[in-house]
Structure formats: structure tokens, C-alpha cells
Amino acid sequence: AVNAAKYGVAGVLVYTDPADINDGQSSANETFPNSWCLPPSGVERGSYYEYFGDPLTPYLPANPSSFRLDPDAAPGFPPIPA
């Protein structure tokens, strides 16, 4: 999303690879946490943050008591919706 914004893209849609979702015909031991595949009702979620970890608590665990950066000033968020 960060690179796409540099070229004028307004937003990015991201879809899960269908090969990563169990088709409902596989057994439970062939789905997460025993394998990479999601169960048929699974939904992938994530983000397109430029760095690793929680952007508001860099280098710290994201506990309720952790110090947090101001979301408006935190670096690494993509400038377009993803």
C-alpha cells in the first residue's frame, strides 16, 4: 500500500489465497493450528503496516499498560486504505 500510494493508487483490496482455506472436505487436523489452512469459516485478518509489530508500541508488548505513541504521529501506516 505504501508503494502503491506513490503511484496514485487510491486504495488496495487484498484477498486471501483460496488455497489457504480448507474447502470443508478436509479433517480438522488439516486446519490451523495443525496446519497453515484456515477452517471453512475462517477469515484472514491482518494489516499493511510498513514495519513489524504493533505500530503504537514499538519494541514493547501491546499490553493495556504499555506506553503508546500518538496514532496521528506514528510512522509506518499506509497513506491509503488497504
Protein backbone atom coordinates (compact mmCIF):
# COMPACT_ATOMS: atom_id res chain seq x y z
CA ALA A 1 0.00 0.00 0.00
CA VAL A 2 2.89 2.38 0.74
CA ASN A 3 4.42 1.77 -2.70
CA ALA A 4 1.04 1.86 -4.45
CA ALA A 5 0.26 5.29 -2.99
CA LYS A 6 3.44 6.67 -4.59
CA TYR A 7 1.87 5.91 -7.99
CA GLY A 8 -1.52 7.49 -7.29
CA VAL A 9 -3.45 4.37 -6.24
CA ALA A 10 -6.44 5.34 -4.06
CA GLY A 11 -6.82 2.06 -2.17
CA VAL A 12 -5.81 -1.61 -2.16
CA LEU A 13 -8.07 -4.66 -1.89
CA VAL A 14 -6.40 -7.81 -0.59
CA TYR A 15 -7.91 -11.27 -0.88
CA THR A 16 -6.94 -14.49 0.85
CA ASP A 17 -5.47 -17.14 -1.44
CA PRO A 18 -8.25 -19.78 -1.80
CA ALA A 19 -5.59 -22.48 -1.46
CA ASP A 20 -5.04 -21.37 2.15
CA ILE A 21 -8.67 -22.05 3.16
CA ASN A 22 -9.94 -25.51 3.93
CA ASP A 23 -12.66 -26.49 1.46
CA GLY A 24 -14.70 -28.21 4.18
CA GLN A 25 -13.77 -31.68 2.97
CA SER A 26 -10.55 -31.94 4.95
CA SER A 27 -10.35 -33.16 8.52
CA ALA A 28 -9.89 -30.82 11.49
CA ASN A 29 -6.27 -31.91 11.91
CA GLU A 30 -5.57 -30.39 8.47
CA THR A 31 -6.51 -26.88 9.62
CA PHE A 32 -4.96 -24.29 11.92
CA PRO A 33 -3.32 -24.75 14.43
CA ASN A 34 -2.21 -28.08 12.97
CA SER A 35 -1.53 -26.68 9.50
CA TRP A 36 -1.45 -23.43 7.55
CA CYS A 37 -5.02 -23.82 6.24
CA LEU A 38 -7.94 -21.95 7.80
CA PRO A 39 -11.16 -23.82 8.62
CA PRO A 40 -14.03 -23.20 6.15
CA SER A 41 -15.46 -20.49 8.43
CA GLY A 42 -12.06 -18.84 8.95
CA VAL A 43 -11.33 -15.25 7.99
CA GLU A 44 -7.83 -13.92 7.48
CA ARG A 45 -7.09 -10.61 9.11
CA GLY A 46 -4.01 -8.50 9.22
CA SER A 47 -2.61 -5.17 8.24
CA TYR A 48 -0.24 -3.50 5.86
CA TYR A 49 1.92 -1.71 8.37
CA GLU A 50 5.36 -0.85 6.96
CA TYR A 51 7.32 -2.24 9.94
CA PHE A 52 7.00 -5.23 12.29
CA GLY A 53 4.97 -5.35 15.49
CA ASP A 54 2.39 -3.01 16.93
CA PRO A 55 2.91 0.46 15.43
CA LEU A 56 1.79 2.25 18.58
CA THR A 57 4.05 0.26 20.96
CA PRO A 58 7.33 -0.16 19.04
CA TYR A 59 9.70 -2.70 20.65
CA LEU A 60 7.23 -3.25 23.51
CA PRO A 61 4.39 -5.73 24.02
CA ALA A 62 0.97 -4.18 23.35
CA ASN A 63 -0.32 -4.60 26.90
CA PRO A 64 -3.01 -2.27 28.26
CA SER A 65 -0.40 -0.59 30.47
CA SER A 66 2.22 -0.12 27.70
CA PHE A 67 3.35 3.32 26.59
CA ARG A 68 1.72 4.21 23.27
CA LEU A 69 2.67 6.65 20.55
CA ASP A 70 0.16 9.19 19.30
CA PRO A 71 -1.64 7.44 16.38
CA ASP A 72 -1.55 10.65 14.32
CA ALA A 73 2.24 10.83 14.61
CA ALA A 74 3.19 7.12 14.48
CA PRO A 75 5.27 6.23 11.40
CA GLY A 76 4.64 3.36 9.00
CA PHE A 77 0.90 3.48 8.45
CA PRO A 78 -0.02 3.29 4.77
CA PRO A 79 -1.34 6.58 3.39
CA ILE A 80 -4.24 4.84 1.59
CA PRO A 81 -6.89 2.35 2.77
CA ALA A 82 -5.84 -1.28 2.46
